[in-house]
């Protein structure tokens, strides 16, 4: 069996949308019911991909989804659904941007500690430097240090070009992803809200149609 590739600094940002679809796993764009307890965003990719037409970006990540489902179940949670995402991320370690396929997992029935532990297992299993989680607040005292921004009007190439041209955005926002129906989603620190809004406007995003939510984000790794 060949050795696993060396982990690298390529963080998948938390990627959320305006409405959440009830039911099982699937890749449909719409979400129309209540929010999940938390979200987990992960990939099995360890390669730098600079060509938007690279065939590796066409994968459905079905076997990856099945493994993560088992990890979530073993960790005490329940996977409500997952969906494919197309992302562009900046690696500070490699000083380059890369295209990437990932999956967004809606998780119910987990405590913050269980969510952290599940993310750590996923990180180790797929040789990732970090896995990002987003925990929706349930009580007034729950932390709200992160913001989720979702809006239409951006494609992957414009996102990559924007990151390449804006050092502050690529270092602080790291990157973002697109749903299969073409909506950009970013996670930012609360203090970076103005930066995020300015960046998405510069690359053609429609702030008038944006949805912004707060929650607790954690890069596990």
N, C-alpha and C. Protein backbone atom coordinates (compact mmCIF):
# COMPACT_ATOMS: atom_id res chain seq x y z
N UNK A 1 0.86 -1.21 0.00
CA UNK A 1 0.00 0.00 0.00
C UNK A 1 0.88 1.25 0.00
N UNK A 2 0.67 2.18 -0.91
CA UNK A 2 1.51 3.38 -0.96
C UNK A 2 1.27 4.26 0.25
N UNK A 3 2.29 5.02 0.67
CA UNK A 3 2.12 5.90 1.83
C UNK A 3 1.14 7.00 1.52
N UNK A 4 0.48 7.49 2.56
CA UNK A 4 -0.43 8.62 2.38
C UNK A 4 0.36 9.88 2.10
N UNK A 5 -0.21 10.81 1.34
CA UNK A 5 0.49 12.06 1.07
C UNK A 5 0.67 12.88 2.33
N UNK A 6 1.72 13.69 2.34
CA UNK A 6 2.01 14.53 3.50
C UNK A 6 0.93 15.59 3.65
N UNK A 7 0.38 15.77 4.85
CA UNK A 7 -0.63 16.80 5.05
C UNK A 7 -0.08 18.17 4.69
N UNK A 8 -0.95 19.06 4.22
CA UNK A 8 -0.52 20.40 3.86
C UNK A 8 -1.50 21.40 4.42
N UNK A 9 -1.11 22.66 4.37
CA UNK A 9 -1.93 23.74 4.90
C UNK A 9 -2.94 24.17 3.87
N UNK A 10 -4.06 23.51 3.86
CA UNK A 10 -5.13 23.88 2.93
C UNK A 10 -6.43 23.74 3.67
N UNK A 11 -6.96 24.84 4.14
CA UNK A 11 -8.10 24.82 5.04
C UNK A 11 -9.38 25.02 4.24
N UNK A 12 -10.33 24.19 4.49
CA UNK A 12 -11.63 24.35 3.86
C UNK A 12 -12.48 25.26 4.74
N UNK A 13 -12.80 26.45 4.29
CA UNK A 13 -13.59 27.34 5.11
C UNK A 13 -14.98 26.79 5.34
N UNK A 14 -15.63 27.20 6.41
CA UNK A 14 -17.01 26.82 6.65
C UNK A 14 -17.87 27.49 5.62
N UNK A 15 -18.79 26.73 5.03
CA UNK A 15 -19.58 27.23 3.92
C UNK A 15 -21.03 26.92 4.19
N UNK A 16 -21.88 27.94 4.33
CA UNK A 16 -23.26 27.78 4.74
C UNK A 16 -24.17 28.48 3.77
N UNK A 17 -25.47 28.15 3.78
CA UNK A 17 -26.42 28.82 2.89
C UNK A 17 -27.62 29.33 3.65
N UNK A 18 -28.49 30.02 2.92
CA UNK A 18 -29.59 30.73 3.54
C UNK A 18 -30.62 29.82 4.17
N UNK A 19 -30.95 28.69 3.56
CA UNK A 19 -31.98 27.80 4.08
C UNK A 19 -31.48 26.38 4.05
N UNK A 20 -31.95 25.54 4.97
CA UNK A 20 -31.43 24.19 5.13
C UNK A 20 -32.51 23.18 4.76
N UNK A 21 -32.16 22.22 3.92
CA UNK A 21 -33.12 21.21 3.48
C UNK A 21 -33.20 20.07 4.48
N UNK A 22 -34.38 19.66 4.84
CA UNK A 22 -34.54 18.51 5.72
C UNK A 22 -34.33 17.23 4.94
N UNK A 23 -34.12 16.13 5.67
CA UNK A 23 -34.02 14.83 5.02
C UNK A 23 -32.63 14.31 5.00
N UNK A 24 -32.37 13.30 4.11
CA UNK A 24 -31.11 12.60 4.07
C UNK A 24 -30.09 13.29 3.20
N UNK A 25 -28.98 12.54 2.94
CA UNK A 25 -27.88 13.08 2.16
C UNK A 25 -28.32 13.32 0.73
N UNK A 26 -27.70 14.33 0.09
CA UNK A 26 -28.01 14.63 -1.29
C UNK A 26 -27.28 15.85 -1.75
N UNK A 27 -27.29 16.11 -3.06
CA UNK A 27 -26.55 17.22 -3.61
C UNK A 27 -27.46 18.31 -4.14
N UNK A 28 -28.72 18.31 -3.80
CA UNK A 28 -29.63 19.35 -4.26
C UNK A 28 -29.26 20.69 -3.67
N UNK A 29 -29.50 21.78 -4.41
CA UNK A 29 -29.08 23.11 -3.97
C UNK A 29 -29.94 23.71 -2.88
N UNK A 30 -31.22 23.36 -2.82
CA UNK A 30 -32.12 24.08 -1.93
C UNK A 30 -32.06 23.55 -0.50
N UNK A 31 -32.32 24.44 0.44
CA UNK A 31 -32.48 24.07 1.84
C UNK A 31 -33.65 24.87 2.36
N UNK A 32 -34.66 24.18 2.88
CA UNK A 32 -35.89 24.90 3.17
C UNK A 32 -36.42 24.70 4.58
N UNK A 33 -35.77 23.88 5.41
CA UNK A 33 -36.28 23.65 6.76
C UNK A 33 -35.35 24.28 7.80
N UNK A 34 -35.40 23.75 9.02
CA UNK A 34 -34.62 24.34 10.10
C UNK A 34 -33.13 24.12 9.89
N UNK A 35 -32.35 24.96 10.57
CA UNK A 35 -30.91 24.81 10.52
C UNK A 35 -30.48 23.56 11.26
N UNK A 36 -29.36 22.95 10.88
CA UNK A 36 -28.83 21.82 11.64
C UNK A 36 -28.21 22.31 12.94
N UNK A 37 -27.83 21.38 13.81
CA UNK A 37 -27.11 21.77 15.02
C UNK A 37 -25.76 22.38 14.66
N UNK A 38 -25.10 21.81 13.66
CA UNK A 38 -23.76 22.26 13.29
C UNK A 38 -23.45 21.85 11.86
N UNK A 39 -22.38 22.41 11.32
CA UNK A 39 -21.90 22.06 9.99
C UNK A 39 -20.43 21.67 10.07
N UNK A 40 -20.05 20.74 9.20
CA UNK A 40 -18.66 20.32 9.10
C UNK A 40 -18.29 20.35 7.63
N UNK A 41 -17.16 20.97 7.31
CA UNK A 41 -16.73 21.14 5.94
C UNK A 41 -15.37 20.49 5.77
N UNK A 42 -15.29 19.57 4.82
CA UNK A 42 -14.07 18.77 4.69
C UNK A 42 -13.87 18.29 3.28
N UNK A 43 -12.65 17.87 3.00
CA UNK A 43 -12.28 17.31 1.71
C UNK A 43 -11.32 16.15 1.92
N UNK A 44 -11.18 15.33 0.91
CA UNK A 44 -10.16 14.28 0.94
C UNK A 44 -8.98 14.65 0.05
N UNK A 45 -8.98 15.86 -0.49
CA UNK A 45 -7.94 16.29 -1.42
C UNK A 45 -6.68 16.73 -0.69
N UNK A 46 -5.51 16.36 -1.22
CA UNK A 46 -4.24 16.84 -0.68
C UNK A 46 -3.37 17.44 -1.78
N UNK A 47 -3.91 17.59 -2.98
CA UNK A 47 -3.14 18.11 -4.11
C UNK A 47 -3.45 19.58 -4.35
N UNK A 48 -2.50 20.29 -4.92
CA UNK A 48 -2.73 21.66 -5.39
C UNK A 48 -3.22 21.57 -6.83
N UNK A 49 -4.40 22.12 -7.10
CA UNK A 49 -5.00 22.07 -8.43
C UNK A 49 -5.18 23.50 -8.92
N UNK A 50 -4.49 23.86 -9.97
CA UNK A 50 -4.55 25.23 -10.48
C UNK A 50 -5.33 25.35 -11.78
N UNK A 51 -5.67 24.22 -12.39
CA UNK A 51 -6.42 24.21 -13.64
C UNK A 51 -7.90 24.00 -13.35
N UNK A 52 -8.77 24.97 -13.65
CA UNK A 52 -10.20 24.79 -13.35
C UNK A 52 -10.85 23.67 -14.13
N UNK A 53 -10.18 23.17 -15.18
CA UNK A 53 -10.72 22.05 -15.96
C UNK A 53 -10.11 20.71 -15.57
N UNK A 54 -9.38 20.68 -14.49
CA UNK A 54 -8.77 19.43 -14.02
C UNK A 54 -9.88 18.41 -13.74
N UNK A 55 -9.78 17.18 -14.27
CA UNK A 55 -10.85 16.18 -14.07
C UNK A 55 -11.08 15.81 -12.61
N UNK A 56 -10.12 16.05 -11.75
CA UNK A 56 -10.32 15.74 -10.33
C UNK A 56 -11.40 16.61 -9.71
N UNK A 57 -11.71 17.72 -10.36
CA UNK A 57 -12.75 18.62 -9.84
C UNK A 57 -14.15 18.17 -10.22
N UNK A 58 -14.26 17.07 -10.95
CA UNK A 58 -15.57 16.54 -11.33
C UNK A 58 -16.03 15.41 -10.42
N UNK A 59 -15.21 15.03 -9.46
CA UNK A 59 -15.57 13.92 -8.57
C UNK A 59 -16.77 14.21 -7.70
N UNK A 60 -17.54 13.18 -7.39
CA UNK A 60 -18.73 13.33 -6.56
C UNK A 60 -18.44 13.09 -5.07
N UNK A 61 -17.27 12.55 -4.75
CA UNK A 61 -16.85 12.31 -3.36
C UNK A 61 -17.85 11.44 -2.60
N UNK A 62 -18.39 10.42 -3.26
CA UNK A 62 -19.38 9.56 -2.62
C UNK A 62 -18.76 8.64 -1.57
N UNK A 63 -17.61 8.03 -1.89
CA UNK A 63 -16.98 7.16 -0.89
C UNK A 63 -16.49 7.97 0.30
N UNK A 64 -16.00 9.16 0.04
CA UNK A 64 -15.62 10.09 1.11
C UNK A 64 -16.81 10.40 2.00
N UNK A 65 -17.95 10.65 1.38
CA UNK A 65 -19.17 10.93 2.13
C UNK A 65 -19.55 9.77 3.04
N UNK A 66 -19.43 8.55 2.54
CA UNK A 66 -19.80 7.39 3.34
C UNK A 66 -18.89 7.22 4.56
N UNK A 67 -17.60 7.47 4.37
CA UNK A 67 -16.66 7.35 5.49
C UNK A 67 -16.96 8.41 6.54
N UNK A 68 -17.20 9.65 6.11
CA UNK A 68 -17.49 10.73 7.06
C UNK A 68 -18.81 10.45 7.78
N UNK A 69 -19.79 9.90 7.07
CA UNK A 69 -21.05 9.54 7.72
C UNK A 69 -20.81 8.58 8.89
N UNK A 70 -19.97 7.58 8.67
CA UNK A 70 -19.67 6.62 9.73
C UNK A 70 -18.94 7.28 10.89
N UNK A 71 -18.02 8.18 10.59
CA UNK A 71 -17.29 8.88 11.65
C UNK A 71 -18.25 9.72 12.48
N UNK A 72 -19.18 10.40 11.83
CA UNK A 72 -20.17 11.21 12.55
C UNK A 72 -21.04 10.33 13.44
N UNK A 73 -21.51 9.21 12.91
CA UNK A 73 -22.36 8.30 13.69
C UNK A 73 -21.61 7.73 14.88
N UNK A 74 -20.37 7.31 14.67
CA UNK A 74 -19.56 6.77 15.77
C UNK A 74 -19.30 7.83 16.83
N UNK A 75 -19.21 9.09 16.40
CA UNK A 75 -18.95 10.18 17.34
C UNK A 75 -20.17 10.69 18.06
N UNK A 76 -21.33 10.07 17.85
CA UNK A 76 -22.53 10.44 18.58
C UNK A 76 -23.48 11.34 17.84
N UNK A 77 -23.18 11.70 16.59
CA UNK A 77 -24.04 12.59 15.84
C UNK A 77 -24.85 11.88 14.78
N UNK A 78 -25.62 12.64 14.05
CA UNK A 78 -26.42 12.12 12.95
C UNK A 78 -26.25 13.03 11.75
N UNK A 79 -25.88 12.44 10.62
CA UNK A 79 -25.76 13.21 9.39
C UNK A 79 -27.13 13.40 8.79
N UNK A 80 -27.56 14.65 8.70
CA UNK A 80 -28.85 14.93 8.07
C UNK A 80 -28.74 14.89 6.55
N UNK A 81 -27.71 15.52 6.01
CA UNK A 81 -27.47 15.52 4.57
C UNK A 81 -26.06 16.04 4.32
N UNK A 82 -25.59 15.86 3.09
CA UNK A 82 -24.35 16.51 2.67
C UNK A 82 -24.51 16.94 1.23
N UNK A 83 -23.66 17.85 0.80
CA UNK A 83 -23.72 18.32 -0.58
C UNK A 83 -22.33 18.70 -1.06
N UNK A 84 -22.16 18.63 -2.36
CA UNK A 84 -20.89 18.98 -2.98
C UNK A 84 -20.71 20.49 -3.03
N UNK A 85 -19.46 20.90 -2.93
CA UNK A 85 -19.09 22.30 -3.05
C UNK A 85 -17.86 22.42 -3.94
N UNK A 86 -17.76 23.53 -4.64
CA UNK A 86 -16.59 23.84 -5.46
C UNK A 86 -15.90 25.03 -4.83
N UNK A 87 -14.63 24.86 -4.47
CA UNK A 87 -13.96 25.92 -3.73
C UNK A 87 -12.68 26.41 -4.37
N UNK A 88 -12.27 27.59 -3.91
CA UNK A 88 -10.96 28.14 -4.22
C UNK A 88 -10.36 28.60 -2.90
N UNK A 89 -9.17 28.08 -2.57
CA UNK A 89 -8.56 28.36 -1.28
C UNK A 89 -7.11 28.78 -1.43
N UNK A 90 -6.66 29.58 -0.49
CA UNK A 90 -5.28 30.06 -0.49
C UNK A 90 -4.51 29.35 0.61
N UNK A 91 -3.36 28.80 0.25
CA UNK A 91 -2.46 28.16 1.20
C UNK A 91 -1.34 29.12 1.56
N UNK A 92 -1.29 29.56 2.81
CA UNK A 92 -0.22 30.46 3.23
C UNK A 92 1.12 29.74 3.24
N UNK A 93 1.08 28.44 3.46
CA UNK A 93 2.30 27.65 3.49
C UNK A 93 2.90 27.50 2.10
N UNK A 94 2.03 27.27 1.10
CA UNK A 94 2.49 27.07 -0.27
C UNK A 94 2.47 28.34 -1.09
N UNK A 95 1.83 29.39 -0.56
CA UNK A 95 1.73 30.68 -1.24
C UNK A 95 1.10 30.55 -2.63
N UNK A 96 0.01 29.82 -2.68
CA UNK A 96 -0.71 29.67 -3.95
C UNK A 96 -2.18 29.41 -3.67
N UNK A 97 -3.01 29.65 -4.68
CA UNK A 97 -4.42 29.30 -4.58
C UNK A 97 -4.65 27.99 -5.31
N UNK A 98 -5.68 27.28 -4.91
CA UNK A 98 -6.00 26.00 -5.52
C UNK A 98 -7.51 25.84 -5.63
N UNK A 99 -7.95 25.19 -6.70
CA UNK A 99 -9.34 24.77 -6.82
C UNK A 99 -9.51 23.45 -6.07
N UNK A 100 -10.74 23.21 -5.56
CA UNK A 100 -10.93 22.00 -4.77
C UNK A 100 -12.41 21.63 -4.68
N UNK A 101 -12.68 20.33 -4.71
CA UNK A 101 -14.02 19.81 -4.40
C UNK A 101 -14.04 19.45 -2.91
N UNK A 102 -15.16 19.73 -2.26
CA UNK A 102 -15.32 19.37 -0.85
C UNK A 102 -16.77 19.01 -0.61
N UNK A 103 -17.07 18.64 0.60
CA UNK A 103 -18.46 18.38 0.99
C UNK A 103 -18.80 19.11 2.28
N UNK A 104 -20.04 19.54 2.32
CA UNK A 104 -20.65 20.23 3.46
C UNK A 104 -21.57 19.23 4.14
N UNK A 105 -21.33 18.95 5.41
CA UNK A 105 -22.10 17.97 6.17
C UNK A 105 -22.95 18.66 7.22
N UNK A 106 -24.27 18.49 7.15
CA UNK A 106 -25.19 18.98 8.18
C UNK A 106 -25.28 17.93 9.28
N UNK A 107 -24.95 18.32 10.50
CA UNK A 107 -24.86 17.37 11.61
C UNK A 107 -25.84 17.75 12.71
N UNK A 108 -26.61 16.79 13.17
CA UNK A 108 -27.51 16.97 14.31
C UNK A 108 -27.04 16.11 15.49
N UNK A 109 -27.49 16.49 16.68
CA UNK A 109 -27.31 15.65 17.86
C UNK A 109 -25.90 15.61 18.41
N UNK A 110 -25.11 16.65 18.22
CA UNK A 110 -23.75 16.65 18.75
C UNK A 110 -23.55 17.83 19.70
N UNK A 111 -22.77 17.58 20.74
CA UNK A 111 -22.32 18.64 21.61
C UNK A 111 -21.10 19.31 20.97
N UNK A 112 -20.71 20.49 21.44
CA UNK A 112 -19.49 21.10 20.90
C UNK A 112 -18.26 20.21 21.01
N UNK A 113 -18.14 19.46 22.11
CA UNK A 113 -17.00 18.56 22.29
C UNK A 113 -17.06 17.41 21.27
N UNK A 114 -18.24 16.86 21.06
CA UNK A 114 -18.38 15.78 20.08
C UNK A 114 -18.09 16.27 18.66
N UNK A 115 -18.55 17.47 18.35
CA UNK A 115 -18.29 18.03 17.03
C UNK A 115 -16.79 18.20 16.80
N UNK A 116 -16.10 18.70 17.79
CA UNK A 116 -14.64 18.85 17.70
C UNK A 116 -13.97 17.51 17.47
N UNK A 117 -14.37 16.50 18.22
CA UNK A 117 -13.75 15.19 18.11
C UNK A 117 -14.01 14.55 16.75
N UNK A 118 -15.23 14.71 16.23
CA UNK A 118 -15.54 14.19 14.90
C UNK A 118 -14.66 14.85 13.85
N UNK A 119 -14.52 16.17 13.93
CA UNK A 119 -13.68 16.89 12.97
C UNK A 119 -12.23 16.42 13.05
N UNK A 120 -11.76 16.16 14.25
CA UNK A 120 -10.38 15.70 14.40
C UNK A 120 -10.19 14.32 13.77
N UNK A 121 -11.18 13.45 13.91
CA UNK A 121 -11.09 12.13 13.28
C UNK A 121 -11.09 12.24 11.75
N UNK A 122 -11.94 13.12 11.23
CA UNK A 122 -11.97 13.33 9.78
C UNK A 122 -10.63 13.90 9.31
N UNK A 123 -10.09 14.84 10.05
CA UNK A 123 -8.81 15.45 9.68
C UNK A 123 -7.71 14.40 9.58
N UNK A 124 -7.62 13.55 10.59
CA UNK A 124 -6.56 12.54 10.60
C UNK A 124 -6.78 11.49 9.51
N UNK A 125 -8.02 11.10 9.31
CA UNK A 125 -8.31 10.04 8.34
C UNK A 125 -7.93 10.47 6.93
N UNK A 126 -8.12 11.77 6.60
CA UNK A 126 -7.88 12.23 5.24
C UNK A 126 -6.67 13.16 5.12
N UNK A 127 -5.78 13.11 6.11
CA UNK A 127 -4.48 13.82 6.04
C UNK A 127 -4.63 15.31 5.80
N UNK A 128 -5.58 15.94 6.47
CA UNK A 128 -5.80 17.37 6.32
C UNK A 128 -5.11 18.14 7.44
N UNK A 129 -4.62 19.33 7.12
CA UNK A 129 -4.02 20.18 8.14
C UNK A 129 -5.09 20.64 9.13
N UNK A 130 -6.29 20.93 8.63
CA UNK A 130 -7.38 21.39 9.49
C UNK A 130 -8.71 21.10 8.82
N UNK A 131 -9.72 20.91 9.66
CA UNK A 131 -11.11 20.78 9.21
C UNK A 131 -11.89 21.86 9.95
N UNK A 132 -12.79 22.52 9.24
CA UNK A 132 -13.51 23.61 9.87
C UNK A 132 -14.94 23.25 10.20
N UNK A 133 -15.38 23.65 11.39
CA UNK A 133 -16.76 23.43 11.81
C UNK A 133 -17.43 24.77 12.10
N UNK A 134 -18.76 24.76 12.01
CA UNK A 134 -19.55 25.94 12.33
C UNK A 134 -20.72 25.48 13.19
N UNK A 135 -20.77 25.95 14.43
CA UNK A 135 -21.76 25.50 15.40
C UNK A 135 -22.79 26.61 15.59
N UNK A 136 -24.03 26.34 15.23
CA UNK A 136 -25.08 27.34 15.38
C UNK A 136 -25.42 27.54 16.85
N UNK A 137 -25.58 28.78 17.30
CA UNK A 137 -25.90 29.03 18.71
C UNK A 137 -27.31 28.57 19.06
N UNK A 138 -27.43 27.97 20.24
CA UNK A 138 -28.74 27.54 20.74
C UNK A 138 -29.21 28.37 21.92
N UNK A 139 -28.26 29.00 22.61
CA UNK A 139 -28.58 29.80 23.79
C UNK A 139 -27.95 31.18 23.64
N UNK A 140 -28.48 32.18 24.34
CA UNK A 140 -27.90 33.53 24.24
C UNK A 140 -26.43 33.59 24.62
N UNK A 141 -25.99 32.69 25.48
CA UNK A 141 -24.60 32.71 25.94
C UNK A 141 -23.64 31.97 25.00
N UNK A 142 -24.15 31.29 23.98
CA UNK A 142 -23.28 30.55 23.06
C UNK A 142 -22.42 31.51 22.23
N UNK A 143 -21.18 31.14 21.94
CA UNK A 143 -20.28 32.04 21.21
C UNK A 143 -20.74 32.31 19.79
N UNK A 144 -20.49 33.53 19.36
CA UNK A 144 -20.82 33.96 18.00
C UNK A 144 -19.62 34.71 17.42
N UNK A 145 -18.51 34.01 17.30
CA UNK A 145 -17.27 34.65 16.85
C UNK A 145 -17.10 34.61 15.34
N UNK A 146 -17.97 33.86 14.65
CA UNK A 146 -17.85 33.73 13.21
C UNK A 146 -19.10 34.19 12.50
N UNK A 147 -18.94 34.54 11.23
CA UNK A 147 -20.06 34.95 10.40
C UNK A 147 -20.05 34.13 9.12
N UNK A 148 -21.23 33.72 8.70
CA UNK A 148 -21.42 33.04 7.42
C UNK A 148 -22.10 34.01 6.46
N UNK A 149 -21.51 34.15 5.27
CA UNK A 149 -22.04 35.05 4.26
C UNK A 149 -22.31 34.23 3.00
N UNK A 150 -23.52 34.31 2.49
CA UNK A 150 -23.90 33.57 1.29
C UNK A 150 -24.61 34.51 0.33
N UNK A 151 -24.21 34.48 -0.94
CA UNK A 151 -24.80 35.39 -1.91
C UNK A 151 -24.53 34.91 -3.33
N UNK A 152 -25.33 35.35 -4.29
CA UNK A 152 -25.14 34.96 -5.69
C UNK A 152 -24.19 35.90 -6.42
N UNK A 153 -23.82 35.52 -7.65
CA UNK A 153 -23.14 36.45 -8.54
C UNK A 153 -21.66 36.23 -8.76
N UNK A 154 -21.08 35.11 -8.28
CA UNK A 154 -19.63 34.89 -8.40
C UNK A 154 -19.38 33.49 -8.94
N UNK A 155 -18.36 33.35 -9.81
CA UNK A 155 -17.94 32.01 -10.22
C UNK A 155 -16.54 31.74 -9.70
N UNK A 156 -16.06 30.50 -9.88
CA UNK A 156 -14.80 30.09 -9.27
C UNK A 156 -13.61 30.88 -9.80
N UNK A 157 -13.59 31.18 -11.10
CA UNK A 157 -12.45 31.91 -11.64
C UNK A 157 -12.38 33.33 -11.11
N UNK A 158 -13.53 33.97 -10.97
CA UNK A 158 -13.53 35.33 -10.42
C UNK A 158 -13.11 35.32 -8.96
N UNK A 159 -13.50 34.28 -8.24
CA UNK A 159 -13.07 34.15 -6.85
C UNK A 159 -11.55 33.99 -6.78
N UNK A 160 -11.00 33.12 -7.63
CA UNK A 160 -9.55 32.91 -7.63
C UNK A 160 -8.81 34.18 -8.03
N UNK A 161 -9.28 34.88 -9.06
CA UNK A 161 -8.63 36.11 -9.49
C UNK A 161 -8.69 37.17 -8.38
N UNK A 162 -9.83 37.22 -7.68
CA UNK A 162 -9.96 38.19 -6.61
C UNK A 162 -9.01 37.92 -5.46
N UNK A 163 -8.84 36.66 -5.11
CA UNK A 163 -7.90 36.30 -4.04
C UNK A 163 -6.47 36.61 -4.46
N UNK A 164 -6.14 36.33 -5.72
CA UNK A 164 -4.78 36.59 -6.21
C UNK A 164 -4.46 38.08 -6.17
N UNK A 165 -5.46 38.92 -6.38
CA UNK A 165 -5.25 40.36 -6.46
C UNK A 165 -5.34 41.07 -5.11
N UNK A 166 -5.85 40.40 -4.08
CA UNK A 166 -6.11 41.05 -2.80
C UNK A 166 -5.43 40.27 -1.68
N UNK A 167 -4.26 40.72 -1.28
CA UNK A 167 -3.48 40.00 -0.27
C UNK A 167 -4.21 39.90 1.06
N UNK A 168 -4.82 40.99 1.49
CA UNK A 168 -5.51 40.99 2.77
C UNK A 168 -6.66 39.98 2.77
N UNK A 169 -7.41 39.94 1.67
CA UNK A 169 -8.54 39.01 1.59
C UNK A 169 -8.07 37.56 1.60
N UNK A 170 -7.05 37.22 0.83
CA UNK A 170 -6.63 35.82 0.78
C UNK A 170 -6.00 35.35 2.09
N UNK A 171 -5.34 36.27 2.83
CA UNK A 171 -4.72 35.87 4.09
C UNK A 171 -5.71 35.82 5.23
N UNK A 172 -6.73 36.66 5.22
CA UNK A 172 -7.69 36.71 6.32
C UNK A 172 -8.94 35.88 6.06
N UNK A 173 -9.40 35.85 4.81
CA UNK A 173 -10.60 35.08 4.48
C UNK A 173 -10.27 33.67 4.02
N UNK A 174 -9.04 33.44 3.58
CA UNK A 174 -8.51 32.14 3.15
C UNK A 174 -9.08 31.70 1.80
N UNK A 175 -10.36 31.86 1.58
CA UNK A 175 -10.97 31.44 0.34
C UNK A 175 -12.46 31.35 0.50
N UNK A 176 -13.08 30.60 -0.38
CA UNK A 176 -14.52 30.43 -0.32
C UNK A 176 -14.94 29.31 -1.23
N UNK A 177 -16.23 29.02 -1.23
CA UNK A 177 -16.74 27.94 -2.07
C UNK A 177 -18.04 28.35 -2.74
N UNK A 178 -18.40 27.54 -3.73
CA UNK A 178 -19.63 27.77 -4.49
C UNK A 178 -20.51 26.54 -4.41
N UNK A 179 -21.79 26.75 -4.19
CA UNK A 179 -22.74 25.66 -4.27
C UNK A 179 -22.91 25.29 -5.74
N UNK A 180 -23.47 24.12 -6.00
CA UNK A 180 -23.64 23.69 -7.39
C UNK A 180 -24.64 24.55 -8.16
N UNK A 181 -25.46 25.32 -7.43
CA UNK A 181 -26.36 26.24 -8.13
C UNK A 181 -25.77 27.65 -8.19
N UNK A 182 -24.46 27.78 -7.92
CA UNK A 182 -23.75 29.02 -8.21
C UNK A 182 -23.83 30.12 -7.18
N UNK A 183 -23.87 29.77 -5.89
CA UNK A 183 -23.89 30.79 -4.85
C UNK A 183 -22.59 30.73 -4.07
N UNK A 184 -21.98 31.90 -3.88
CA UNK A 184 -20.75 31.99 -3.12
C UNK A 184 -21.03 31.95 -1.63
N UNK A 185 -20.20 31.22 -0.89
CA UNK A 185 -20.35 31.17 0.56
C UNK A 185 -18.98 31.33 1.21
N UNK A 186 -18.93 32.19 2.22
CA UNK A 186 -17.70 32.49 2.94
C UNK A 186 -17.95 32.40 4.44
N UNK A 187 -16.89 32.08 5.17
CA UNK A 187 -16.90 32.24 6.62
C UNK A 187 -15.84 33.25 6.97
N UNK A 188 -16.20 34.21 7.82
CA UNK A 188 -15.26 35.25 8.23
C UNK A 188 -15.34 35.44 9.74
N UNK A 189 -14.26 35.93 10.31
CA UNK A 189 -14.30 36.39 11.69
C UNK A 189 -15.23 37.60 11.75
N UNK A 190 -15.88 37.78 12.88
CA UNK A 190 -16.80 38.93 13.01
C UNK A 190 -16.09 40.25 12.71
N UNK A 191 -14.83 40.34 13.11
CA UNK A 191 -14.09 41.59 12.90
C UNK A 191 -13.77 41.83 11.43
N UNK A 192 -13.93 40.81 10.59
CA UNK A 192 -13.61 40.94 9.17
C UNK A 192 -14.85 41.13 8.29
N UNK A 193 -15.96 41.47 8.88
CA UNK A 193 -17.19 41.60 8.10
C UNK A 193 -17.06 42.66 7.01
N UNK A 194 -16.50 43.81 7.33
CA UNK A 194 -16.35 44.87 6.33
C UNK A 194 -15.43 44.42 5.19
N UNK A 195 -14.35 43.74 5.54
CA UNK A 195 -13.44 43.23 4.53
C UNK A 195 -14.15 42.24 3.62
N UNK A 196 -14.91 41.32 4.20
CA UNK A 196 -15.61 40.31 3.42
C UNK A 196 -16.63 40.95 2.48
N UNK A 197 -17.38 41.91 2.97
CA UNK A 197 -18.37 42.59 2.13
C UNK A 197 -17.69 43.33 0.97
N UNK A 198 -16.60 43.99 1.27
CA UNK A 198 -15.88 44.72 0.22
C UNK A 198 -15.33 43.76 -0.83
N UNK A 199 -14.79 42.63 -0.36
CA UNK A 199 -14.20 41.66 -1.27
C UNK A 199 -15.24 41.05 -2.20
N UNK A 200 -16.37 40.62 -1.65
CA UNK A 200 -17.36 39.97 -2.52
C UNK A 200 -17.99 40.97 -3.49
N UNK A 201 -18.08 42.22 -3.08
CA UNK A 201 -18.57 43.24 -4.01
C UNK A 201 -17.59 43.44 -5.15
N UNK A 202 -16.29 43.47 -4.83
CA UNK A 202 -15.25 43.68 -5.85
C UNK A 202 -15.24 42.56 -6.89
N UNK A 203 -15.61 41.33 -6.50
CA UNK A 203 -15.58 40.22 -7.45
C UNK A 203 -16.96 39.92 -8.05
N UNK A 204 -17.91 40.83 -7.83
CA UNK A 204 -19.18 40.74 -8.52
C UNK A 204 -20.33 40.16 -7.74
N UNK A 205 -20.15 39.89 -6.45
CA UNK A 205 -21.24 39.35 -5.64
C UNK A 205 -22.33 40.38 -5.38
N UNK A 206 -23.55 39.91 -5.20
CA UNK A 206 -24.71 40.78 -5.00
C UNK A 206 -25.03 40.86 -3.51
N UNK A 207 -24.53 41.89 -2.83
CA UNK A 207 -24.76 42.04 -1.39
C UNK A 207 -26.22 42.26 -1.06
N UNK A 208 -27.01 42.77 -2.00
CA UNK A 208 -28.43 43.00 -1.73
C UNK A 208 -29.16 41.67 -1.51
N UNK A 209 -28.59 40.59 -2.04
CA UNK A 209 -29.21 39.27 -1.90
C UNK A 209 -28.46 38.39 -0.88
N UNK A 210 -27.61 39.00 -0.07
CA UNK A 210 -26.79 38.23 0.87
C UNK A 210 -27.57 37.81 2.10
N UNK A 211 -27.22 36.63 2.62
CA UNK A 211 -27.69 36.17 3.92
C UNK A 211 -26.48 36.06 4.84
N UNK A 212 -26.59 36.64 6.04
CA UNK A 212 -25.48 36.60 6.99
C UNK A 212 -25.99 36.02 8.30
N UNK A 213 -25.27 34.99 8.79
CA UNK A 213 -25.61 34.37 10.07
C UNK A 213 -24.39 34.33 10.97
N UNK A 214 -24.63 34.28 12.27
CA UNK A 214 -23.53 34.18 13.23
C UNK A 214 -23.49 32.80 13.86
N UNK A 215 -22.32 32.44 14.36
CA UNK A 215 -22.14 31.16 15.04
C UNK A 215 -20.71 31.02 15.51
N UNK A 216 -20.38 29.84 16.01
CA UNK A 216 -19.03 29.59 16.50
C UNK A 216 -18.26 28.78 15.46
N UNK A 217 -17.16 29.32 14.98
CA UNK A 217 -16.34 28.59 14.02
C UNK A 217 -15.10 28.06 14.71
N UNK A 218 -14.63 26.91 14.25
CA UNK A 218 -13.40 26.34 14.80
C UNK A 218 -12.64 25.62 13.70
N UNK A 219 -11.37 25.96 13.55
CA UNK A 219 -10.47 25.21 12.70
C UNK A 219 -9.85 24.13 13.57
N UNK A 220 -10.24 22.90 13.34
CA UNK A 220 -9.77 21.78 14.15
C UNK A 220 -8.53 21.20 13.50
N UNK A 221 -7.40 21.30 14.19
CA UNK A 221 -6.17 20.80 13.62
C UNK A 221 -4.96 21.48 14.24
